[in-house]
Amino acid sequence: MREKGLHFIGVICLFLFILSFSIALTINLTPLYNFDINYLGISKSVGLSKETLMENYRVLLNYLNLPWVSELDFPDFPSSESGLFHFYEVKRLFMLDYVIALVTAIGSFFYIRYIKNNQLFWKLVRPFQLGIAVPFVVLFMIAVSFDQLFVAFHKLFFNNDAWLFNPSTDPIILALPETFFMHSFILAFVLIEIQIIFGYFYTKKQAFK
């Protein structure tokens, strides 16, 4: 019973690390936004240069990523009180993701070491095999209706309507179109899928070598 509990907690740690690490990597991958500025024609729609947009995006990321940055002040975009409050809530989610990534990284390290020392890789083959399907389901949902998924995501993580930006008071939303967030979702779940597939083949190889 104790060993079953250990493996259950270990597997949860492992998959939470994969999820939180993929999210952390995605939200800090500035080349994605750099690409979308051109691909989505954001410069043209907001009337600002690519360099200016990237500067404002870096200001946003610094605020969201760094605990000691307590104020958000875009160089080229005014912000409403509700808009700033939403970004504050997003910052808290960023911090939560980093804490989860750190804690589960430590837990996963010790669990994998236990698995390796006791030659129990076979116990991970099935969880990884089942896990492969989850990102595919989410990617399918994104392809069918990202709008509904996007709304459901915000209703799940935010208990207010501050995320419904008004472009006249928070024009930053024009520089962060919904399609950019769709690309971010896709990238995150592709990264998750790659890690799970790697985990499946690696553990299978170690278990049956």
C-alpha atoms as a PDB file:
ATOM      1  CA  MET A   1       0.000   0.000   0.000  1.00  0.00           C
ATOM      2  CA  ARG A   2       2.817   2.388   0.891  1.00  0.00           C
ATOM      3  CA  GLU A   3       4.607   1.616  -2.393  1.00  0.00           C
ATOM      4  CA  LYS A   4       1.407   2.236  -4.384  1.00  0.00           C
ATOM      5  CA  GLY A   5       1.041   5.615  -2.697  1.00  0.00           C
ATOM      6  CA  LEU A   6       4.648   6.466  -3.488  1.00  0.00           C
ATOM      7  CA  HIS A   7       4.199   5.644  -7.168  1.00  0.00           C
ATOM      8  CA  PHE A   8       0.915   7.560  -7.342  1.00  0.00           C
ATOM      9  CA  ILE A   9       2.516  10.696  -5.875  1.00  0.00           C
ATOM     10  CA  GLY A  10       5.613  10.205  -8.052  1.00  0.00           C
ATOM     11  CA  VAL A  11       3.624   9.963 -11.273  1.00  0.00           C
ATOM     12  CA  ILE A  12       1.527  13.023 -10.334  1.00  0.00           C
ATOM     13  CA  CYS A  13       4.755  14.930  -9.617  1.00  0.00           C
ATOM     14  CA  LEU A  14       6.220  13.888 -12.942  1.00  0.00           C
ATOM     15  CA  PHE A  15       3.226  14.947 -15.018  1.00  0.00           C
ATOM     16  CA  LEU A  16       2.758  18.198 -13.085  1.00  0.00           C
ATOM     17  CA  PHE A  17       6.395  19.009 -13.774  1.00  0.00           C
ATOM     18  CA  ILE A  18       5.958  18.313 -17.487  1.00  0.00           C
ATOM     19  CA  LEU A  19       2.873  20.545 -17.549  1.00  0.00           C
ATOM     20  CA  SER A  20       4.309  23.426 -15.497  1.00  0.00           C
ATOM     21  CA  PHE A  21       7.676  23.321 -17.269  1.00  0.00           C
ATOM     22  CA  SER A  22       5.985  23.429 -20.691  1.00  0.00           C
ATOM     23  CA  ILE A  23       3.866  26.402 -19.606  1.00  0.00           C
ATOM     24  CA  ALA A  24       6.915  28.241 -18.211  1.00  0.00           C
ATOM     25  CA  LEU A  25       8.868  27.617 -21.403  1.00  0.00           C
ATOM     26  CA  THR A  26       5.997  28.752 -23.626  1.00  0.00           C
ATOM     27  CA  ILE A  27       5.231  32.003 -21.802  1.00  0.00           C
ATOM     28  CA  ASN A  28       8.897  33.011 -21.938  1.00  0.00           C
ATOM     29  CA  LEU A  29       9.481  32.075 -25.561  1.00  0.00           C
ATOM     30  CA  THR A  30       9.579  35.608 -26.978  1.00  0.00           C
ATOM     31  CA  PRO A  31      10.367  34.391 -30.536  1.00  0.00           C
ATOM     32  CA  LEU A  32       6.744  33.204 -30.729  1.00  0.00           C
ATOM     33  CA  TYR A  33       5.439  36.743 -30.237  1.00  0.00           C
ATOM     34  CA  ASN A  34       8.183  38.056 -32.527  1.00  0.00           C
ATOM     35  CA  PHE A  35       6.915  35.684 -35.221  1.00  0.00           C
ATOM     36  CA  ASP A  36       3.253  36.564 -34.656  1.00  0.00           C
ATOM     37  CA  ILE A  37       3.906  40.300 -34.987  1.00  0.00           C
ATOM     38  CA  ASN A  38       4.728  39.604 -38.629  1.00  0.00           C
ATOM     39  CA  TYR A  39       2.406  36.633 -39.193  1.00  0.00           C
ATOM     40  CA  LEU A  40      -0.684  38.335 -37.746  1.00  0.00           C
ATOM     41  CA  GLY A  41       0.183  41.829 -38.952  1.00  0.00           C
ATOM     42  CA  ILE A  42       0.051  43.242 -35.425  1.00  0.00           C
ATOM     43  CA  SER A  43       2.270  46.232 -36.225  1.00  0.00           C
ATOM     44  CA  LYS A  44      -0.121  47.348 -38.921  1.00  0.00           C
ATOM     45  CA  SER A  45      -3.239  46.869 -36.771  1.00  0.00           C
ATOM     46  CA  VAL A  46      -1.902  48.901 -33.820  1.00  0.00           C
ATOM     47  CA  GLY A  47       0.242  51.363 -35.765  1.00  0.00           C
ATOM     48  CA  LEU A  48       3.481  50.640 -33.902  1.00  0.00           C
ATOM     49  CA  SER A  49       6.803  49.254 -35.065  1.00  0.00           C
ATOM     50  CA  LYS A  50       7.892  45.707 -34.327  1.00  0.00           C
ATOM     51  CA  GLU A  51      10.674  47.001 -32.066  1.00  0.00           C
ATOM     52  CA  THR A  52       8.182  49.069 -30.042  1.00  0.00           C
ATOM     53  CA  LEU A  53       5.825  46.116 -29.670  1.00  0.00           C
ATOM     54  CA  MET A  54       8.662  43.852 -28.521  1.00  0.00           C
ATOM     55  CA  GLU A  55       9.755  46.482 -25.978  1.00  0.00           C
ATOM     56  CA  ASN A  56       6.240  46.636 -24.512  1.00  0.00           C
ATOM     57  CA  TYR A  57       6.017  42.836 -24.523  1.00  0.00           C
ATOM     58  CA  ARG A  58       9.277  42.582 -22.583  1.00  0.00           C
ATOM     59  CA  VAL A  59       7.942  45.101 -20.046  1.00  0.00           C
ATOM     60  CA  LEU A  60       4.885  42.864 -19.621  1.00  0.00           C
ATOM     61  CA  LEU A  61       6.978  39.708 -19.218  1.00  0.00           C
ATOM     62  CA  ASN A  62       9.255  41.389 -16.684  1.00  0.00           C
ATOM     63  CA  TYR A  63       6.223  42.336 -14.625  1.00  0.00           C
ATOM     64  CA  LEU A  64       4.671  38.876 -14.863  1.00  0.00           C
ATOM     65  CA  ASN A  65       7.916  36.983 -14.209  1.00  0.00           C
ATOM     66  CA  LEU A  66       9.738  39.000 -11.560  1.00  0.00           C
ATOM     67  CA  PRO A  67       8.245  39.030  -8.040  1.00  0.00           C
ATOM     68  CA  TRP A  68      10.010  42.288  -7.154  1.00  0.00           C
ATOM     69  CA  VAL A  69       8.447  44.191 -10.083  1.00  0.00           C
ATOM     70  CA  SER A  70       5.220  45.390  -8.480  1.00  0.00           C
ATOM     71  CA  GLU A  71       3.962  47.894 -11.058  1.00  0.00           C
ATOM     72  CA  LEU A  72       3.089  47.497 -14.721  1.00  0.00           C
ATOM     73  CA  ASP A  73       3.628  50.577 -16.854  1.00  0.00           C
ATOM     74  CA  PHE A  74       3.582  50.065 -20.612  1.00  0.00           C
ATOM     75  CA  PRO A  75       5.738  52.622 -22.464  1.00  0.00           C
ATOM     76  CA  ASP A  76       3.229  52.965 -25.310  1.00  0.00           C
ATOM     77  CA  PHE A  77      -0.136  51.723 -24.010  1.00  0.00           C
ATOM     78  CA  PRO A  78      -2.472  53.261 -21.426  1.00  0.00           C
ATOM     79  CA  SER A  79      -4.105  50.838 -18.997  1.00  0.00           C
ATOM     80  CA  SER A  80      -7.331  50.829 -17.014  1.00  0.00           C
ATOM     81  CA  GLU A  81      -7.608  49.769 -13.387  1.00  0.00           C
ATOM     82  CA  SER A  82      -9.416  46.560 -14.327  1.00  0.00           C
ATOM     83  CA  GLY A  83      -6.814  45.790 -17.007  1.00  0.00           C
ATOM     84  CA  LEU A  84      -3.979  46.190 -14.528  1.00  0.00           C
ATOM     85  CA  PHE A  85      -5.868  44.035 -12.022  1.00  0.00           C
ATOM     86  CA  HIS A  86      -6.179  41.265 -14.596  1.00  0.00           C
ATOM     87  CA  PHE A  87      -2.440  41.342 -15.253  1.00  0.00           C
ATOM     88  CA  TYR A  88      -1.896  41.186 -11.479  1.00  0.00           C
ATOM     89  CA  GLU A  89      -3.998  38.011 -11.388  1.00  0.00           C
ATOM     90  CA  VAL A  90      -2.028  36.607 -14.318  1.00  0.00           C
ATOM     91  CA  LYS A  91       1.194  37.384 -12.429  1.00  0.00           C
ATOM     92  CA  ARG A  92      -0.058  35.305  -9.491  1.00  0.00           C
ATOM     93  CA  LEU A  93      -0.741  32.402 -11.866  1.00  0.00           C
ATOM     94  CA  PHE A  94       2.789  32.745 -13.276  1.00  0.00           C
ATOM     95  CA  MET A  95       4.230  32.603  -9.763  1.00  0.00           C
ATOM     96  CA  LEU A  96       2.085  29.566  -8.959  1.00  0.00           C
ATOM     97  CA  ASP A  97       3.303  27.804 -12.093  1.00  0.00           C
ATOM     98  CA  TYR A  98       6.943  28.448 -11.172  1.00  0.00           C
ATOM     99  CA  VAL A  99       6.403  27.164  -7.627  1.00  0.00           C
ATOM    100  CA  ILE A 100       4.727  24.020  -8.967  1.00  0.00           C
ATOM    101  CA  ALA A 101       7.555  23.522 -11.479  1.00  0.00           C
ATOM    102  CA  LEU A 102      10.194  23.871  -8.755  1.00  0.00           C
ATOM    103  CA  VAL A 103       8.492  21.612  -6.204  1.00  0.00           C
ATOM    104  CA  THR A 104       7.603  18.911  -8.738  1.00  0.00           C
ATOM    105  CA  ALA A 105      11.085  19.064 -10.282  1.00  0.00           C
ATOM    106  CA  ILE A 106      12.534  18.132  -6.891  1.00  0.00           C
ATOM    107  CA  GLY A 107       9.894  15.452  -6.340  1.00  0.00           C
ATOM    108  CA  SER A 108      10.381  14.050  -9.850  1.00  0.00           C
ATOM    109  CA  PHE A 109      14.162  13.920  -9.395  1.00  0.00           C
ATOM    110  CA  PHE A 110      13.920  11.777  -6.270  1.00  0.00           C
ATOM    111  CA  TYR A 111      11.155   9.618  -7.763  1.00  0.00           C
ATOM    112  CA  ILE A 112      13.119   8.926 -10.960  1.00  0.00           C
ATOM    113  CA  ARG A 113      16.188   8.148  -8.862  1.00  0.00           C
ATOM    114  CA  TYR A 114      14.109   5.653  -6.848  1.00  0.00           C
ATOM    115  CA  ILE A 115      12.771   4.125 -10.094  1.00  0.00           C
ATOM    116  CA  LYS A 116      16.285   3.832 -11.509  1.00  0.00           C
ATOM    117  CA  ASN A 117      17.857   2.375  -8.358  1.00  0.00           C
ATOM    118  CA  ASN A 118      15.141  -0.274  -8.096  1.00  0.00           C
ATOM    119  CA  GLN A 119      14.806  -0.950 -11.820  1.00  0.00           C
ATOM    120  CA  LEU A 120      11.101  -0.095 -11.822  1.00  0.00           C
ATOM    121  CA  PHE A 121      10.878   1.696 -15.169  1.00  0.00           C
ATOM    122  CA  TRP A 122       8.080  -0.676 -16.196  1.00  0.00           C
ATOM    123  CA  LYS A 123       5.806   1.131 -13.738  1.00  0.00           C
ATOM    124  CA  LEU A 124       6.030   4.309 -15.837  1.00  0.00           C
ATOM    125  CA  VAL A 125       5.331   2.766 -19.230  1.00  0.00           C
ATOM    126  CA  ARG A 126       1.539   2.631 -18.762  1.00  0.00           C
ATOM    127  CA  PRO A 127       1.150   6.166 -17.310  1.00  0.00           C
ATOM    128  CA  PHE A 128       3.156   7.641 -20.194  1.00  0.00           C
ATOM    129  CA  GLN A 129       1.187   5.546 -22.671  1.00  0.00           C
ATOM    130  CA  LEU A 130      -2.097   6.892 -21.314  1.00  0.00           C
ATOM    131  CA  GLY A 131      -0.688  10.405 -21.042  1.00  0.00           C
ATOM    132  CA  ILE A 132       0.068  10.536 -24.764  1.00  0.00           C
ATOM    133  CA  ALA A 133      -3.653  10.851 -25.525  1.00  0.00           C
ATOM    134  CA  VAL A 134      -4.346  13.913 -23.342  1.00  0.00           C
ATOM    135  CA  PRO A 135      -2.475  16.589 -25.369  1.00  0.00           C
ATOM    136  CA  PHE A 136      -4.051  15.211 -28.559  1.00  0.00           C
ATOM    137  CA  VAL A 137      -7.516  15.707 -27.039  1.00  0.00           C
ATOM    138  CA  VAL A 138      -6.691  19.308 -26.083  1.00  0.00           C
ATOM    139  CA  LEU A 139      -5.176  20.032 -29.504  1.00  0.00           C
ATOM    140  CA  PHE A 140      -8.330  18.626 -31.102  1.00  0.00           C
ATOM    141  CA  MET A 141     -10.446  20.937 -28.936  1.00  0.00           C
ATOM    142  CA  ILE A 142      -8.275  23.887 -29.997  1.00  0.00           C
ATOM    143  CA  ALA A 143      -8.762  22.965 -33.650  1.00  0.00           C
ATOM    144  CA  VAL A 144     -12.546  22.569 -33.285  1.00  0.00           C
ATOM    145  CA  SER A 145     -13.292  25.673 -31.203  1.00  0.00           C
ATOM    146  CA  PHE A 146     -10.522  27.645 -29.558  1.00  0.00           C
ATOM    147  CA  ASP A 147     -12.969  30.453 -28.708  1.00  0.00           C
ATOM    148  CA  GLN A 148     -14.949  28.216 -26.353  1.00  0.00           C
ATOM    149  CA  LEU A 149     -11.779  26.758 -24.831  1.00  0.00           C
ATOM    150  CA  PHE A 150     -10.364  30.262 -24.324  1.00  0.00           C
ATOM    151  CA  VAL A 151     -13.517  31.440 -22.544  1.00  0.00           C
ATOM    152  CA  ALA A 152     -13.689  28.254 -20.437  1.00  0.00           C
ATOM    153  CA  PHE A 153     -10.034  28.717 -19.429  1.00  0.00           C
ATOM    154  CA  HIS A 154     -10.682  32.252 -18.179  1.00  0.00           C
ATOM    155  CA  LYS A 155     -13.859  31.267 -16.349  1.00  0.00           C
ATOM    156  CA  LEU A 156     -11.936  28.487 -14.620  1.00  0.00           C
ATOM    157  CA  PHE A 157      -8.985  30.602 -13.458  1.00  0.00           C
ATOM    158  CA  PHE A 158     -10.600  34.029 -12.977  1.00  0.00           C
ATOM    159  CA  ASN A 159     -13.712  34.791 -10.919  1.00  0.00           C
ATOM    160  CA  ASN A 160     -14.368  38.161 -12.571  1.00  0.00           C
ATOM    161  CA  ASP A 161     -14.710  39.828 -15.982  1.00  0.00           C
ATOM    162  CA  ALA A 162     -11.499  41.879 -15.816  1.00  0.00           C
ATOM    163  CA  TRP A 163     -10.059  39.707 -18.612  1.00  0.00           C
ATOM    164  CA  LEU A 164     -12.658  41.131 -21.021  1.00  0.00           C
ATOM    165  CA  PHE A 165     -10.484  44.037 -22.143  1.00  0.00           C
ATOM    166  CA  ASN A 166     -11.969  47.124 -23.778  1.00  0.00           C
ATOM    167  CA  PRO A 167      -9.624  48.216 -26.607  1.00  0.00           C
ATOM    168  CA  SER A 168     -10.461  51.872 -25.996  1.00  0.00           C
ATOM    169  CA  THR A 169      -9.220  51.770 -22.384  1.00  0.00           C
ATOM    170  CA  ASP A 170      -6.718  48.890 -22.710  1.00  0.00           C
ATOM    171  CA  PRO A 171      -5.352  49.005 -26.271  1.00  0.00           C
ATOM    172  CA  ILE A 172      -2.685  46.443 -25.282  1.00  0.00           C
ATOM    173  CA  ILE A 173      -5.299  43.801 -26.129  1.00  0.00           C
ATOM    174  CA  LEU A 174      -4.963  44.788 -29.792  1.00  0.00           C
ATOM    175  CA  ALA A 175      -1.269  43.908 -29.566  1.00  0.00           C
ATOM    176  CA  LEU A 176      -2.135  40.542 -27.970  1.00  0.00           C
ATOM    177  CA  PRO A 177      -4.765  39.062 -30.291  1.00  0.00           C
ATOM    178  CA  GLU A 178      -6.574  35.832 -29.476  1.00  0.00           C
ATOM    179  CA  THR A 179      -4.731  33.998 -32.257  1.00  0.00           C
ATOM    180  CA  PHE A 180      -1.444  34.637 -30.451  1.00  0.00           C
ATOM    181  CA  PHE A 181      -2.858  32.902 -27.380  1.00  0.00           C
ATOM    182  CA  MET A 182      -4.057  30.047 -29.583  1.00  0.00           C
ATOM    183  CA  HIS A 183      -0.512  29.630 -30.897  1.00  0.00           C
ATOM    184  CA  SER A 184       0.747  29.669 -27.289  1.00  0.00           C
ATOM    185  CA  PHE A 185      -1.719  26.945 -26.279  1.00  0.00           C
ATOM    186  CA  ILE A 186      -0.699  24.833 -29.265  1.00  0.00           C
ATOM    187  CA  LEU A 187       3.002  25.244 -28.499  1.00  0.00           C
ATOM    188  CA  ALA A 188       2.527  24.345 -24.822  1.00  0.00           C
ATOM    189  CA  PHE A 189       0.658  21.133 -25.599  1.00  0.00           C
ATOM    190  CA  VAL A 190       3.080  20.190 -28.375  1.00  0.00           C
ATOM    191  CA  LEU A 191       5.906  20.530 -25.824  1.00  0.00           C
ATOM    192  CA  ILE A 192       3.928  18.403 -23.367  1.00  0.00           C
ATOM    193  CA  GLU A 193       3.324  15.758 -26.021  1.00  0.00           C
ATOM    194  CA  ILE A 194       7.001  15.638 -27.006  1.00  0.00           C
ATOM    195  CA  GLN A 195       8.065  15.098 -23.389  1.00  0.00           C
ATOM    196  CA  ILE A 196       5.448  12.398 -22.770  1.00  0.00           C
ATOM    197  CA  ILE A 197       6.358  10.536 -25.969  1.00  0.00           C
ATOM    198  CA  PHE A 198      10.035  10.731 -25.038  1.00  0.00           C
ATOM    199  CA  GLY A 199       9.201   9.476 -21.539  1.00  0.00           C
ATOM    200  CA  TYR A 200       7.201   6.587 -22.954  1.00  0.00           C
ATOM    201  CA  PHE A 201       9.914   5.347 -25.311  1.00  0.00           C
ATOM    202  CA  TYR A 202      12.690   5.924 -22.778  1.00  0.00           C
ATOM    203  CA  THR A 203      10.969   4.046 -19.947  1.00  0.00           C
ATOM    204  CA  LYS A 204       9.891   1.268 -22.306  1.00  0.00           C
ATOM    205  CA  LYS A 205      13.464   0.856 -23.510  1.00  0.00           C
ATOM    206  CA  GLN A 206      14.818   0.828 -19.936  1.00  0.00           C
ATOM    207  CA  ALA A 207      12.128  -1.582 -18.740  1.00  0.00           C
ATOM    208  CA  PHE A 208      12.607  -4.207 -21.436  1.00  0.00           C
ATOM    209  CA  LYS A 209      16.295  -3.989 -22.234  1.00  0.00           C
END
